[in-house]
Amino acid sequence: MKNGTRRTLSAAIWYKQILDSECKVGLPANKLCLQLGMNRNTLQSTFKKLYGKSIREYQVQIRMEKALQLLETGIDVTQVAEELNYAKMSAFTNAFTAYFGFAPSALIKPVE
């Protein structure tokens, strides 16, 4: 395996670990590529080959899974949006609805 290929594979694996541990926003791929002196497109294509989705698709998946987990524990929708670093509540609601097909408010349990 070429040194550049090994480095790109290592970067993709390391970047996924960052995303897994920091689902809020994570380290931007551009910044990582600059730090490593690597082409962003190379990182993107390697990531997609390894994990079957683009970096952006994976970021959305991680954030939405975390959102669902938090909402199912009874945390308020506004708090979930803040926890996941959404600047606006509407941005969170739109992203959640687009991903799951229902609004986050559908998970709010009625008070008995």
PDB file of N, CA and C in Angstrom:
ATOM      1  N   MET A   1       0.841  -1.177   0.000  1.00  0.00           N
ATOM      2  CA  MET A   1       0.000   0.000   0.000  1.00  0.00           C
ATOM      3  C   MET A   1       0.888   1.243   0.000  1.00  0.00           C
ATOM      4  N   LYS A   2       0.542   2.188  -0.828  1.00  0.00           N
ATOM      5  CA  LYS A   2       1.316   3.426  -0.907  1.00  0.00           C
ATOM      6  C   LYS A   2       1.164   4.229   0.378  1.00  0.00           C
ATOM      7  N   ASN A   3       2.189   5.007   0.683  1.00  0.00           N
ATOM      8  CA  ASN A   3       2.173   5.827   1.885  1.00  0.00           C
ATOM      9  C   ASN A   3       1.006   6.815   1.869  1.00  0.00           C
ATOM     10  N   GLY A   4       0.747   7.451   0.716  1.00  0.00           N
ATOM     11  CA  GLY A   4      -0.354   8.405   0.604  1.00  0.00           C
ATOM     12  C   GLY A   4      -1.704   7.749   0.812  1.00  0.00           C
ATOM     13  N   THR A   5      -1.863   6.530   0.300  1.00  0.00           N
ATOM     14  CA  THR A   5      -3.113   5.794   0.466  1.00  0.00           C
ATOM     15  C   THR A   5      -3.316   5.418   1.926  1.00  0.00           C
ATOM     16  N   ARG A   6      -2.263   4.954   2.558  1.00  0.00           N
ATOM     17  CA  ARG A   6      -2.335   4.589   3.976  1.00  0.00           C
ATOM     18  C   ARG A   6      -2.706   5.812   4.814  1.00  0.00           C
ATOM     19  N   ARG A   7      -2.099   6.944   4.480  1.00  0.00           N
ATOM     20  CA  ARG A   7      -2.377   8.180   5.211  1.00  0.00           C
ATOM     21  C   ARG A   7      -3.831   8.609   5.022  1.00  0.00           C
ATOM     22  N   THR A   8      -4.344   8.472   3.803  1.00  0.00           N
ATOM     23  CA  THR A   8      -5.728   8.836   3.525  1.00  0.00           C
ATOM     24  C   THR A   8      -6.690   7.912   4.259  1.00  0.00           C
ATOM     25  N   LEU A   9      -6.418   6.613   4.256  1.00  0.00           N
ATOM     26  CA  LEU A   9      -7.247   5.660   5.003  1.00  0.00           C
ATOM     27  C   LEU A   9      -7.239   5.983   6.491  1.00  0.00           C
ATOM     28  N   SER A  10      -6.069   6.246   7.023  1.00  0.00           N
ATOM     29  CA  SER A  10      -5.948   6.593   8.446  1.00  0.00           C
ATOM     30  C   SER A  10      -6.732   7.854   8.764  1.00  0.00           C
ATOM     31  N   ALA A  11      -6.652   8.839   7.882  1.00  0.00           N
ATOM     32  CA  ALA A  11      -7.371  10.100   8.094  1.00  0.00           C
ATOM     33  C   ALA A  11      -8.876   9.871   8.080  1.00  0.00           C
ATOM     34  N   ALA A  12      -9.369   9.054   7.157  1.00  0.00           N
ATOM     35  CA  ALA A  12     -10.805   8.778   7.072  1.00  0.00           C
ATOM     36  C   ALA A  12     -11.295   8.055   8.324  1.00  0.00           C
ATOM     37  N   ILE A  13     -10.531   7.078   8.783  1.00  0.00           N
ATOM     38  CA  ILE A  13     -10.899   6.337   9.993  1.00  0.00           C
ATOM     39  C   ILE A  13     -10.871   7.258  11.208  1.00  0.00           C
ATOM     40  N   TRP A  14      -9.834   8.064  11.307  1.00  0.00           N
ATOM     41  CA  TRP A  14      -9.704   9.001  12.422  1.00  0.00           C
ATOM     42  C   TRP A  14     -10.836  10.021  12.399  1.00  0.00           C
ATOM     43  N   TYR A  15     -11.181  10.510  11.218  1.00  0.00           N
ATOM     44  CA  TYR A  15     -12.251  11.503  11.098  1.00  0.00           C
ATOM     45  C   TYR A  15     -13.589  10.905  11.525  1.00  0.00           C
ATOM     46  N   LYS A  16     -13.854   9.664  11.175  1.00  0.00           N
ATOM     47  CA  LYS A  16     -15.093   9.009  11.611  1.00  0.00           C
ATOM     48  C   LYS A  16     -15.131   8.909  13.130  1.00  0.00           C
ATOM     49  N   GLN A  17     -14.007   8.600  13.743  1.00  0.00           N
ATOM     50  CA  GLN A  17     -13.953   8.520  15.202  1.00  0.00           C
ATOM     51  C   GLN A  17     -14.272   9.869  15.833  1.00  0.00           C
ATOM     52  N   ILE A  18     -13.785  10.939  15.218  1.00  0.00           N
ATOM     53  CA  ILE A  18     -14.100  12.284  15.709  1.00  0.00           C
ATOM     54  C   ILE A  18     -15.598  12.525  15.613  1.00  0.00           C
ATOM     55  N   LEU A  19     -16.183  12.203  14.475  1.00  0.00           N
ATOM     56  CA  LEU A  19     -17.616  12.408  14.285  1.00  0.00           C
ATOM     57  C   LEU A  19     -18.426  11.571  15.266  1.00  0.00           C
ATOM     58  N   ASP A  20     -17.997  10.342  15.506  1.00  0.00           N
ATOM     59  CA  ASP A  20     -18.705   9.471  16.439  1.00  0.00           C
ATOM     60  C   ASP A  20     -18.669  10.010  17.865  1.00  0.00           C
ATOM     61  N   SER A  21     -17.568  10.605  18.252  1.00  0.00           N
ATOM     62  CA  SER A  21     -17.438  11.093  19.625  1.00  0.00           C
ATOM     63  C   SER A  21     -17.971  12.508  19.803  1.00  0.00           C
ATOM     64  N   GLU A  22     -18.045  13.267  18.742  1.00  0.00           N
ATOM     65  CA  GLU A  22     -18.471  14.671  18.821  1.00  0.00           C
ATOM     66  C   GLU A  22     -19.547  14.917  17.775  1.00  0.00           C
ATOM     67  N   CYS A  23     -20.756  14.414  18.053  1.00  0.00           N
ATOM     68  CA  CYS A  23     -21.805  14.464  17.036  1.00  0.00           C
ATOM     69  C   CYS A  23     -22.390  15.854  16.829  1.00  0.00           C
ATOM     70  N   LYS A  24     -22.068  16.790  17.675  1.00  0.00           N
ATOM     71  CA  LYS A  24     -22.645  18.128  17.542  1.00  0.00           C
ATOM     72  C   LYS A  24     -22.268  18.764  16.217  1.00  0.00           C
ATOM     73  N   VAL A  25     -21.027  18.947  15.984  1.00  0.00           N
ATOM     74  CA  VAL A  25     -20.553  19.553  14.743  1.00  0.00           C
ATOM     75  C   VAL A  25     -19.302  18.842  14.275  1.00  0.00           C
ATOM     76  N   GLY A  26     -18.397  18.605  15.180  1.00  0.00           N
ATOM     77  CA  GLY A  26     -17.159  17.929  14.805  1.00  0.00           C
ATOM     78  C   GLY A  26     -16.173  18.869  14.128  1.00  0.00           C
ATOM     79  N   LEU A  27     -15.035  18.346  13.837  1.00  0.00           N
ATOM     80  CA  LEU A  27     -13.988  19.085  13.147  1.00  0.00           C
ATOM     81  C   LEU A  27     -14.349  19.161  11.671  1.00  0.00           C
ATOM     82  N   PRO A  28     -14.440  20.368  11.103  1.00  0.00           N
ATOM     83  CA  PRO A  28     -14.762  20.462   9.672  1.00  0.00           C
ATOM     84  C   PRO A  28     -13.726  19.725   8.821  1.00  0.00           C
ATOM     85  N   ALA A  29     -14.203  19.025   7.808  1.00  0.00           N
ATOM     86  CA  ALA A  29     -13.314  18.252   6.933  1.00  0.00           C
ATOM     87  C   ALA A  29     -12.260  19.148   6.292  1.00  0.00           C
ATOM     88  N   ASN A  30     -12.644  20.370   5.936  1.00  0.00           N
ATOM     89  CA  ASN A  30     -11.681  21.306   5.331  1.00  0.00           C
ATOM     90  C   ASN A  30     -10.494  21.547   6.257  1.00  0.00           C
ATOM     91  N   LYS A  31     -10.806  21.745   7.531  1.00  0.00           N
ATOM     92  CA  LYS A  31      -9.758  22.028   8.514  1.00  0.00           C
ATOM     93  C   LYS A  31      -8.833  20.825   8.681  1.00  0.00           C
ATOM     94  N   LEU A  32      -9.425  19.645   8.753  1.00  0.00           N
ATOM     95  CA  LEU A  32      -8.624  18.427   8.872  1.00  0.00           C
ATOM     96  C   LEU A  32      -7.696  18.276   7.673  1.00  0.00           C
ATOM     97  N   CYS A  33      -8.230  18.490   6.486  1.00  0.00           N
ATOM     98  CA  CYS A  33      -7.425  18.353   5.265  1.00  0.00           C
ATOM     99  C   CYS A  33      -6.280  19.357   5.238  1.00  0.00           C
ATOM    100  N   LEU A  34      -6.544  20.571   5.674  1.00  0.00           N
ATOM    101  CA  LEU A  34      -5.477  21.579   5.741  1.00  0.00           C
ATOM    102  C   LEU A  34      -4.386  21.150   6.708  1.00  0.00           C
ATOM    103  N   GLN A  35      -4.795  20.657   7.875  1.00  0.00           N
ATOM    104  CA  GLN A  35      -3.829  20.229   8.885  1.00  0.00           C
ATOM    105  C   GLN A  35      -2.973  19.068   8.386  1.00  0.00           C
ATOM    106  N   LEU A  36      -3.577  18.186   7.595  1.00  0.00           N
ATOM    107  CA  LEU A  36      -2.863  17.008   7.121  1.00  0.00           C
ATOM    108  C   LEU A  36      -2.230  17.202   5.749  1.00  0.00           C
ATOM    109  N   GLY A  37      -2.462  18.367   5.142  1.00  0.00           N
ATOM    110  CA  GLY A  37      -1.937  18.614   3.804  1.00  0.00           C
ATOM    111  C   GLY A  37      -2.531  17.656   2.784  1.00  0.00           C
ATOM    112  N   MET A  38      -3.829  17.452   2.891  1.00  0.00           N
ATOM    113  CA  MET A  38      -4.515  16.449   2.084  1.00  0.00           C
ATOM    114  C   MET A  38      -5.630  17.100   1.271  1.00  0.00           C
ATOM    115  N   ASN A  39      -5.934  16.535   0.129  1.00  0.00           N
ATOM    116  CA  ASN A  39      -7.019  17.003  -0.718  1.00  0.00           C
ATOM    117  C   ASN A  39      -8.360  16.573  -0.116  1.00  0.00           C
ATOM    118  N   ARG A  40      -9.298  17.516  -0.006  1.00  0.00           N
ATOM    119  CA  ARG A  40     -10.604  17.212   0.590  1.00  0.00           C
ATOM    120  C   ARG A  40     -11.358  16.161  -0.219  1.00  0.00           C
ATOM    121  N   ASN A  41     -11.284  16.248  -1.534  1.00  0.00           N
ATOM    122  CA  ASN A  41     -11.987  15.273  -2.378  1.00  0.00           C
ATOM    123  C   ASN A  41     -11.465  13.858  -2.160  1.00  0.00           C
ATOM    124  N   THR A  42     -10.166  13.735  -1.927  1.00  0.00           N
ATOM    125  CA  THR A  42      -9.577  12.421  -1.656  1.00  0.00           C
ATOM    126  C   THR A  42     -10.117  11.865  -0.345  1.00  0.00           C
ATOM    127  N   LEU A  43     -10.172  12.709   0.681  1.00  0.00           N
ATOM    128  CA  LEU A  43     -10.731  12.277   1.964  1.00  0.00           C
ATOM    129  C   LEU A  43     -12.193  11.884   1.791  1.00  0.00           C
ATOM    130  N   GLN A  44     -12.960  12.715   1.075  1.00  0.00           N
ATOM    131  CA  GLN A  44     -14.384  12.433   0.851  1.00  0.00           C
ATOM    132  C   GLN A  44     -14.581  11.077   0.168  1.00  0.00           C
ATOM    133  N   SER A  45     -13.849  10.841  -0.914  1.00  0.00           N
ATOM    134  CA  SER A  45     -14.052   9.594  -1.662  1.00  0.00           C
ATOM    135  C   SER A  45     -13.597   8.379  -0.855  1.00  0.00           C
ATOM    136  N   THR A  46     -12.525   8.517  -0.098  1.00  0.00           N
ATOM    137  CA  THR A  46     -12.059   7.411   0.749  1.00  0.00           C
ATOM    138  C   THR A  46     -13.071   7.117   1.844  1.00  0.00           C
ATOM    139  N   PHE A  47     -13.601   8.168   2.466  1.00  0.00           N
ATOM    140  CA  PHE A  47     -14.609   8.011   3.515  1.00  0.00           C
ATOM    141  C   PHE A  47     -15.826   7.270   2.957  1.00  0.00           C
ATOM    142  N   LYS A  48     -16.271   7.688   1.781  1.00  0.00           N
ATOM    143  CA  LYS A  48     -17.454   7.062   1.172  1.00  0.00           C
ATOM    144  C   LYS A  48     -17.191   5.599   0.822  1.00  0.00           C
ATOM    145  N   LYS A  49     -16.006   5.281   0.340  1.00  0.00           N
ATOM    146  CA  LYS A  49     -15.664   3.884   0.035  1.00  0.00           C
ATOM    147  C   LYS A  49     -15.665   3.032   1.300  1.00  0.00           C
ATOM    148  N   LEU A  50     -15.146   3.587   2.385  1.00  0.00           N
ATOM    149  CA  LEU A  50     -15.061   2.838   3.641  1.00  0.00           C
ATOM    150  C   LEU A  50     -16.414   2.660   4.320  1.00  0.00           C
ATOM    151  N   TYR A  51     -17.237   3.722   4.321  1.00  0.00           N
ATOM    152  CA  TYR A  51     -18.444   3.729   5.145  1.00  0.00           C
ATOM    153  C   TYR A  51     -19.753   3.789   4.363  1.00  0.00           C
ATOM    154  N   GLY A  52     -19.678   3.872   3.034  1.00  0.00           N
ATOM    155  CA  GLY A  52     -20.888   3.809   2.227  1.00  0.00           C
ATOM    156  C   GLY A  52     -21.722   5.065   2.171  1.00  0.00           C
ATOM    157  N   LYS A  53     -21.206   6.150   2.724  1.00  0.00           N
ATOM    158  CA  LYS A  53     -21.913   7.430   2.652  1.00  0.00           C
ATOM    159  C   LYS A  53     -20.911   8.559   2.738  1.00  0.00           C
ATOM    160  N   SER A  54     -21.346   9.719   2.281  1.00  0.00           N
ATOM    161  CA  SER A  54     -20.459  10.880   2.322  1.00  0.00           C
ATOM    162  C   SER A  54     -20.261  11.331   3.765  1.00  0.00           C
ATOM    163  N   ILE A  55     -19.264  12.155   3.971  1.00  0.00           N
ATOM    164  CA  ILE A  55     -19.021  12.704   5.305  1.00  0.00           C
ATOM    165  C   ILE A  55     -20.256  13.450   5.784  1.00  0.00           C
ATOM    166  N   ARG A  56     -20.834  14.262   4.923  1.00  0.00           N
ATOM    167  CA  ARG A  56     -22.023  15.046   5.296  1.00  0.00           C
ATOM    168  C   ARG A  56     -23.188  14.132   5.662  1.00  0.00           C
ATOM    169  N   GLU A  57     -23.428  13.099   4.860  1.00  0.00           N
ATOM    170  CA  GLU A  57     -24.513  12.160   5.161  1.00  0.00           C
ATOM    171  C   GLU A  57     -24.274  11.485   6.509  1.00  0.00           C
ATOM    172  N   TYR A  58     -23.027  11.147   6.782  1.00  0.00           N
ATOM    173  CA  TYR A  58     -22.701  10.505   8.055  1.00  0.00           C
ATOM    174  C   TYR A  58     -22.897  11.470   9.224  1.00  0.00           C
ATOM    175  N   GLN A  59     -22.499  12.729   9.041  1.00  0.00           N
ATOM    176  CA  GLN A  59     -22.697  13.732  10.084  1.00  0.00           C
ATOM    177  C   GLN A  59     -24.179  13.888  10.410  1.00  0.00           C
ATOM    178  N   VAL A  60     -25.003  13.963   9.378  1.00  0.00           N
ATOM    179  CA  VAL A  60     -26.447  14.099   9.585  1.00  0.00           C
ATOM    180  C   VAL A  60     -26.983  12.876  10.320  1.00  0.00           C
ATOM    181  N   GLN A  61     -26.570  11.693   9.906  1.00  0.00           N
ATOM    182  CA  GLN A  61     -27.020  10.462  10.562  1.00  0.00           C
ATOM    183  C   GLN A  61     -26.681  10.469  12.047  1.00  0.00           C
ATOM    184  N   ILE A  62     -25.453  10.806  12.374  1.00  0.00           N
ATOM    185  CA  ILE A  62     -25.014  10.821  13.772  1.00  0.00           C
ATOM    186  C   ILE A  62     -25.830  11.825  14.588  1.00  0.00           C
ATOM    187  N   ARG A  63     -26.007  13.025  14.045  1.00  0.00           N
ATOM    188  CA  ARG A  63     -26.764  14.058  14.761  1.00  0.00           C
ATOM    189  C   ARG A  63     -28.218  13.645  14.961  1.00  0.00           C
ATOM    190  N   MET A  64     -28.827  13.064  13.936  1.00  0.00           N
ATOM    191  CA  MET A  64     -30.234  12.674  14.034  1.00  0.00           C
ATOM    192  C   MET A  64     -30.423  11.499  14.989  1.00  0.00           C
ATOM    193  N   GLU A  65     -29.509  10.550  14.981  1.00  0.00           N
ATOM    194  CA  GLU A  65     -29.590   9.444  15.937  1.00  0.00           C
ATOM    195  C   GLU A  65     -29.475   9.962  17.367  1.00  0.00           C
ATOM    196  N   LYS A  66     -28.575  10.911  17.590  1.00  0.00           N
ATOM    197  CA  LYS A  66     -28.418  11.513  18.916  1.00  0.00           C
ATOM    198  C   LYS A  66     -29.672  12.290  19.292  1.00  0.00           C
ATOM    199  N   ALA A  67     -30.241  13.036  18.337  1.00  0.00           N
ATOM    200  CA  ALA A  67     -31.466  13.795  18.597  1.00  0.00           C
ATOM    201  C   ALA A  67     -32.593  12.858  19.016  1.00  0.00           C
ATOM    202  N   LEU A  68     -32.766  11.775  18.286  1.00  0.00           N
ATOM    203  CA  LEU A  68     -33.816  10.811  18.604  1.00  0.00           C
ATOM    204  C   LEU A  68     -33.602  10.221  19.993  1.00  0.00           C
ATOM    205  N   GLN A  69     -32.379   9.867  20.294  1.00  0.00           N
ATOM    206  CA  GLN A  69     -32.047   9.305  21.607  1.00  0.00           C
ATOM    207  C   GLN A  69     -32.409  10.293  22.720  1.00  0.00           C
ATOM    208  N   LEU A  70     -32.034  11.554  22.553  1.00  0.00           N
ATOM    209  CA  LEU A  70     -32.324  12.565  23.570  1.00  0.00           C
ATOM    210  C   LEU A  70     -33.823  12.809  23.708  1.00  0.00           C
ATOM    211  N   LEU A  71     -34.517  12.904  22.585  1.00  0.00           N
ATOM    212  CA  LEU A  71     -35.963  13.144  22.623  1.00  0.00           C
ATOM    213  C   LEU A  71     -36.701  11.986  23.282  1.00  0.00           C
ATOM    214  N   GLU A  72     -36.249  10.775  23.037  1.00  0.00           N
ATOM    215  CA  GLU A  72     -36.900   9.604  23.632  1.00  0.00           C
ATOM    216  C   GLU A  72     -36.696   9.519  25.139  1.00  0.00           C
ATOM    217  N   THR A  73     -35.703  10.233  25.660  1.00  0.00           N
ATOM    218  CA  THR A  73     -35.504  10.263  27.109  1.00  0.00           C
ATOM    219  C   THR A  73     -36.296  11.390  27.758  1.00  0.00           C
ATOM    220  N   GLY A  74     -37.046  12.154  26.943  1.00  0.00           N
ATOM    221  CA  GLY A  74     -37.903  13.201  27.478  1.00  0.00           C
ATOM    222  C   GLY A  74     -37.297  14.589  27.495  1.00  0.00           C
ATOM    223  N   ILE A  75     -36.135  14.751  26.920  1.00  0.00           N
ATOM    224  CA  ILE A  75     -35.517  16.079  26.867  1.00  0.00           C
ATOM    225  C   ILE A  75     -36.301  16.949  25.900  1.00  0.00           C
ATOM    226  N   ASP A  76     -36.510  18.188  26.280  1.00  0.00           N
ATOM    227  CA  ASP A  76     -37.266  19.162  25.503  1.00  0.00           C
ATOM    228  C   ASP A  76     -36.631  19.387  24.128  1.00  0.00           C
ATOM    229  N   VAL A  77     -37.484  19.596  23.115  1.00  0.00           N
ATOM    230  CA  VAL A  77     -37.020  19.790  21.738  1.00  0.00           C
ATOM    231  C   VAL A  77     -36.034  20.952  21.647  1.00  0.00           C
ATOM    232  N   THR A  78     -36.316  22.037  22.341  1.00  0.00           N
ATOM    233  CA  THR A  78     -35.426  23.202  22.318  1.00  0.00           C
ATOM    234  C   THR A  78     -34.056  22.850  22.881  1.00  0.00           C
ATOM    235  N   GLN A  79     -34.039  22.102  23.967  1.00  0.00           N
ATOM    236  CA  GLN A  79     -32.769  21.691  24.571  1.00  0.00           C
ATOM    237  C   GLN A  79     -31.978  20.770  23.643  1.00  0.00           C
ATOM    238  N   VAL A  80     -32.673  19.895  22.939  1.00  0.00           N
ATOM    239  CA  VAL A  80     -32.005  18.989  22.002  1.00  0.00           C
ATOM    240  C   VAL A  80     -31.362  19.798  20.878  1.00  0.00           C
ATOM    241  N   ALA A  81     -32.103  20.761  20.343  1.00  0.00           N
ATOM    242  CA  ALA A  81     -31.566  21.617  19.272  1.00  0.00           C
ATOM    243  C   ALA A  81     -30.315  22.343  19.749  1.00  0.00           C
ATOM    244  N   GLU A  82     -30.359  22.862  20.973  1.00  0.00           N
ATOM    245  CA  GLU A  82     -29.196  23.560  21.537  1.00  0.00           C
ATOM    246  C   GLU A  82     -28.033  22.593  21.763  1.00  0.00           C
ATOM    247  N   GLU A  83     -28.332  21.426  22.294  1.00  0.00           N
ATOM    248  CA  GLU A  83     -27.298  20.414  22.576  1.00  0.00           C
ATOM    249  C   GLU A  83     -26.546  20.016  21.304  1.00  0.00           C
ATOM    250  N   LEU A  84     -27.255  19.989  20.192  1.00  0.00           N
ATOM    251  CA  LEU A  84     -26.653  19.582  18.921  1.00  0.00           C
ATOM    252  C   LEU A  84     -26.169  20.772  18.099  1.00  0.00           C
ATOM    253  N   ASN A  85     -26.100  21.930  18.746  1.00  0.00           N
ATOM    254  CA  ASN A  85     -25.546  23.160  18.152  1.00  0.00           C
ATOM    255  C   ASN A  85     -26.294  23.673  16.928  1.00  0.00           C
ATOM    256  N   TYR A  86     -27.601  23.538  16.919  1.00  0.00           N
ATOM    257  CA  TYR A  86     -28.389  24.166  15.858  1.00  0.00           C
ATOM    258  C   TYR A  86     -28.601  25.620  16.246  1.00  0.00           C
ATOM    259  N   ALA A  87     -28.306  26.526  15.340  1.00  0.00           N
ATOM    260  CA  ALA A  87     -28.434  27.958  15.609  1.00  0.00           C
ATOM    261  C   ALA A  87     -29.900  28.359  15.755  1.00  0.00           C
ATOM    262  N   LYS A  88     -30.773  27.690  15.018  1.00  0.00           N
ATOM    263  CA  LYS A  88     -32.202  28.010  15.064  1.00  0.00           C
ATOM    264  C   LYS A  88     -33.007  26.736  15.280  1.00  0.00           C
ATOM    265  N   MET A  89     -34.050  26.877  16.055  1.00  0.00           N
ATOM    266  CA  MET A  89     -34.950  25.759  16.318  1.00  0.00           C
ATOM    267  C   MET A  89     -35.551  25.242  15.012  1.00  0.00           C
ATOM    268  N   SER A  90     -35.893  26.149  14.111  1.00  0.00           N
ATOM    269  CA  SER A  90     -36.504  25.745  12.837  1.00  0.00           C
ATOM    270  C   SER A  90     -35.537  24.896  12.005  1.00  0.00           C
ATOM    271  N   ALA A  91     -34.256  25.189  12.070  1.00  0.00           N
ATOM    272  CA  ALA A  91     -33.264  24.396  11.330  1.00  0.00           C
ATOM    273  C   ALA A  91     -33.233  22.965  11.864  1.00  0.00           C
ATOM    274  N   PHE A  92     -33.293  22.827  13.186  1.00  0.00           N
ATOM    275  CA  PHE A  92     -33.318  21.497  13.784  1.00  0.00           C
ATOM    276  C   PHE A  92     -34.595  20.754  13.397  1.00  0.00           C
ATOM    277  N   THR A  93     -35.737  21.419  13.540  1.00  0.00           N
ATOM    278  CA  THR A  93     -37.021  20.794  13.216  1.00  0.00           C
ATOM    279  C   THR A  93     -37.063  20.347  11.758  1.00  0.00           C
ATOM    280  N   ASN A  94     -36.595  21.198  10.860  1.00  0.00           N
ATOM    281  CA  ASN A  94     -36.583  20.853   9.435  1.00  0.00           C
ATOM    282  C   ASN A  94     -35.662  19.668   9.149  1.00  0.00           C
ATOM    283  N   ALA A  95     -34.475  19.666   9.752  1.00  0.00           N
ATOM    284  CA  ALA A  95     -33.527  18.569   9.542  1.00  0.00           C
ATOM    285  C   ALA A  95     -34.089  17.255  10.088  1.00  0.00           C
ATOM    286  N   PHE A  96     -34.664  17.309  11.271  1.00  0.00           N
ATOM    287  CA  PHE A  96     -35.232  16.116  11.902  1.00  0.00           C
ATOM    288  C   PHE A  96     -36.378  15.562  11.062  1.00  0.00           C
ATOM    289  N   THR A  97     -37.276  16.451  10.645  1.00  0.00           N
ATOM    290  CA  THR A  97     -38.432  16.042   9.847  1.00  0.00           C
ATOM    291  C   THR A  97     -38.000  15.454   8.506  1.00  0.00           C
ATOM    292  N   ALA A  98     -37.018  16.067   7.871  1.00  0.00           N
ATOM    293  CA  ALA A  98     -36.518  15.554   6.589  1.00  0.00           C
ATOM    294  C   ALA A  98     -35.898  14.170   6.766  1.00  0.00           C
ATOM    295  N   TYR A  99     -35.227  13.950   7.877  1.00  0.00           N
ATOM    296  CA  TYR A  99     -34.533  12.681   8.102  1.00  0.00           C
ATOM    297  C   TYR A  99     -35.500  11.557   8.492  1.00  0.00           C
ATOM    298  N   PHE A 100     -36.397  11.836   9.444  1.00  0.00           N
ATOM    299  CA  PHE A 100     -37.268  10.789   9.979  1.00  0.00           C
ATOM    300  C   PHE A 100     -38.661  10.743   9.357  1.00  0.00           C
ATOM    301  N   GLY A 101     -39.096  11.851   8.751  1.00  0.00           N
ATOM    302  CA  GLY A 101     -40.434  11.881   8.161  1.00  0.00           C
ATOM    303  C   GLY A 101     -41.520  12.314   9.127  1.00  0.00           C
ATOM    304  N   PHE A 102     -41.137  12.738  10.316  1.00  0.00           N
ATOM    305  CA  PHE A 102     -42.084  13.293  11.283  1.00  0.00           C
ATOM    306  C   PHE A 102     -41.358  14.327  12.128  1.00  0.00           C
ATOM    307  N   ALA A 103     -42.129  15.243  12.696  1.00  0.00           N
ATOM    308  CA  ALA A 103     -41.546  16.332  13.481  1.00  0.00           C
ATOM    309  C   ALA A 103     -41.076  15.818  14.840  1.00  0.00           C
ATOM    310  N   PRO A 104     -40.061  16.453  15.416  1.00  0.00           N
ATOM    311  CA  PRO A 104     -39.596  16.027  16.741  1.00  0.00           C
ATOM    312  C   PRO A 104     -40.683  16.156  17.806  1.00  0.00           C
ATOM    313  N   SER A 105     -41.607  17.079  17.615  1.00  0.00           N
ATOM    314  CA  SER A 105     -42.695  17.267  18.584  1.00  0.00           C
ATOM    315  C   SER A 105     -43.592  16.033  18.669  1.00  0.00           C
ATOM    316  N   ALA A 106     -43.572  15.174  17.656  1.00  0.00           N
ATOM    317  CA  ALA A 106     -44.375  13.947  17.686  1.00  0.00           C
ATOM    318  C   ALA A 106     -43.903  12.994  18.782  1.00  0.00           C
ATOM    319  N   LEU A 107     -42.702  13.193  19.272  1.00  0.00           N
ATOM    320  CA  LEU A 107     -42.158  12.323  20.320  1.00  0.00           C
ATOM    321  C   LEU A 107     -42.450  12.826  21.730  1.00  0.00           C
ATOM    322  N   ILE A 108     -43.051  14.004  21.817  1.00  0.00           N
ATOM    323  CA  ILE A 108     -43.366  14.557  23.135  1.00  0.00           C
ATOM    324  C   ILE A 108     -44.515  13.761  23.732  1.00  0.00           C
ATOM    325  N   LYS A 109     -44.281  13.269  24.928  1.00  0.00           N
ATOM    326  CA  LYS A 109     -45.296  12.470  25.607  1.00  0.00           C
ATOM    327  C   LYS A 109     -46.288  13.399  26.299  1.00  0.00           C
ATOM    328  N   PRO A 110     -47.589  13.105  26.171  1.00  0.00           N
ATOM    329  CA  PRO A 110     -48.582  13.954  26.831  1.00  0.00           C
ATOM    330  C   PRO A 110     -48.454  13.854  28.354  1.00  0.00           C
ATOM    331  N   VAL A 111     -48.698  14.967  29.019  1.00  0.00           N
ATOM    332  CA  VAL A 111     -48.650  15.005  30.479  1.00  0.00           C
ATOM    333  C   VAL A 111     -49.920  14.366  31.007  1.00  0.00           C
ATOM    334  N   GLU A 112     -49.747  13.452  31.937  1.00  0.00           N
ATOM    335  CA  GLU A 112     -50.917  12.759  32.501  1.00  0.00           C
ATOM    336  C   GLU A 112     -51.300  13.336  33.820  1.00  0.00           C
TER     337      GLU A 112
END
